[in-house]
Amino acid sequence: MYIYLNKDDSAKLDRLMREYERVFHERCYAYCMSDPIAEIEKCLKTGKPSKIKPEPEALY
């Protein structure tokens, strides 16, 4: 599955991923999410890290 983002959304996703990693001290797996911007914003708003993690041995 590929998600195509325009330049503004791509910059927003980069900013959100950096903020996520700073807040939760763990890597953000945006490539596993169908709507990464909304998912990361929800995590930051609720203060809980995402439960979406890559499948073991999965190739992305």
C-alpha atoms as a PDB file:
ATOM      1  CA  MET A   1       0.000   0.000   0.000  1.00  0.00           C
ATOM      2  CA  TYR A   2       1.350   3.394  -0.971  1.00  0.00           C
ATOM      3  CA  ILE A   3       0.225   6.726   0.378  1.00  0.00           C
ATOM      4  CA  TYR A   4       0.934   9.759  -1.752  1.00  0.00           C
ATOM      5  CA  LEU A   5       1.294  13.038   0.103  1.00  0.00           C
ATOM      6  CA  ASN A   6       1.587  16.527  -1.254  1.00  0.00           C
ATOM      7  CA  LYS A   7       4.511  18.700  -0.182  1.00  0.00           C
ATOM      8  CA  ASP A   8       2.641  20.324   2.736  1.00  0.00           C
ATOM      9  CA  ASP A   9       1.344  17.007   4.092  1.00  0.00           C
ATOM     10  CA  SER A  10       4.785  15.455   3.744  1.00  0.00           C
ATOM     11  CA  ALA A  11       6.325  18.271   5.789  1.00  0.00           C
ATOM     12  CA  LYS A  12       3.524  17.947   8.368  1.00  0.00           C
ATOM     13  CA  LEU A  13       4.093  14.185   8.635  1.00  0.00           C
ATOM     14  CA  ASP A  14       7.840  14.701   9.137  1.00  0.00           C
ATOM     15  CA  ARG A  15       7.170  17.241  11.896  1.00  0.00           C
ATOM     16  CA  LEU A  16       4.614  14.967  13.596  1.00  0.00           C
ATOM     17  CA  MET A  17       6.950  11.960  13.456  1.00  0.00           C
ATOM     18  CA  ARG A  18       9.753  13.953  15.112  1.00  0.00           C
ATOM     19  CA  GLU A  19       7.346  15.178  17.799  1.00  0.00           C
ATOM     20  CA  TYR A  20       6.019  11.626  18.358  1.00  0.00           C
ATOM     21  CA  GLU A  21       9.544  10.262  18.812  1.00  0.00           C
ATOM     22  CA  ARG A  22      10.426  13.120  21.179  1.00  0.00           C
ATOM     23  CA  VAL A  23       7.281  12.641  23.306  1.00  0.00           C
ATOM     24  CA  PHE A  24       7.103   8.841  23.460  1.00  0.00           C
ATOM     25  CA  HIS A  25      10.838   8.009  23.124  1.00  0.00           C
ATOM     26  CA  GLU A  26      10.097   5.329  20.546  1.00  0.00           C
ATOM     27  CA  ARG A  27      10.132   5.086  16.801  1.00  0.00           C
ATOM     28  CA  CYS A  28       7.014   6.062  14.894  1.00  0.00           C
ATOM     29  CA  TYR A  29       5.933   3.407  12.400  1.00  0.00           C
ATOM     30  CA  ALA A  30       4.080   5.733  10.030  1.00  0.00           C
ATOM     31  CA  TYR A  31       4.630   3.363   7.109  1.00  0.00           C
ATOM     32  CA  CYS A  32       2.343   0.814   8.845  1.00  0.00           C
ATOM     33  CA  MET A  33      -0.566   3.253   9.162  1.00  0.00           C
ATOM     34  CA  SER A  34      -3.287   3.796   6.576  1.00  0.00           C
ATOM     35  CA  ASP A  35      -3.702   7.434   7.687  1.00  0.00           C
ATOM     36  CA  PRO A  36      -0.453   8.310   9.467  1.00  0.00           C
ATOM     37  CA  ILE A  37      -1.169  12.021  10.020  1.00  0.00           C
ATOM     38  CA  ALA A  38      -4.495  11.383  11.764  1.00  0.00           C
ATOM     39  CA  GLU A  39      -3.100   8.455  13.775  1.00  0.00           C
ATOM     40  CA  ILE A  40      -0.074  10.402  15.038  1.00  0.00           C
ATOM     41  CA  GLU A  41      -2.196  13.464  15.859  1.00  0.00           C
ATOM     42  CA  LYS A  42      -4.571  11.214  17.837  1.00  0.00           C
ATOM     43  CA  CYS A  43      -1.669   9.698  19.783  1.00  0.00           C
ATOM     44  CA  LEU A  44      -0.230  13.104  20.628  1.00  0.00           C
ATOM     45  CA  LYS A  45      -3.654  14.416  21.652  1.00  0.00           C
ATOM     46  CA  THR A  46      -4.466  11.451  23.916  1.00  0.00           C
ATOM     47  CA  GLY A  47      -0.928  11.088  25.248  1.00  0.00           C
ATOM     48  CA  LYS A  48      -0.812   7.376  24.423  1.00  0.00           C
ATOM     49  CA  PRO A  49       1.616   5.827  21.928  1.00  0.00           C
ATOM     50  CA  SER A  50       0.302   4.008  18.885  1.00  0.00           C
ATOM     51  CA  LYS A  51      -0.354   0.294  19.141  1.00  0.00           C
ATOM     52  CA  ILE A  52       0.326  -0.058  15.423  1.00  0.00           C
ATOM     53  CA  LYS A  53       3.655  -1.830  15.036  1.00  0.00           C
ATOM     54  CA  PRO A  54       5.116  -3.693  12.073  1.00  0.00           C
ATOM     55  CA  GLU A  55       4.455  -7.388  11.768  1.00  0.00           C
ATOM     56  CA  PRO A  56       7.460  -9.498  12.748  1.00  0.00           C
ATOM     57  CA  GLU A  57       9.618 -10.191   9.682  1.00  0.00           C
ATOM     58  CA  ALA A  58       7.387  -8.021   7.461  1.00  0.00           C
ATOM     59  CA  LEU A  59       8.883  -6.114   4.570  1.00  0.00           C
ATOM     60  CA  TYR A  60       7.730  -2.550   4.036  1.00  0.00           C
END
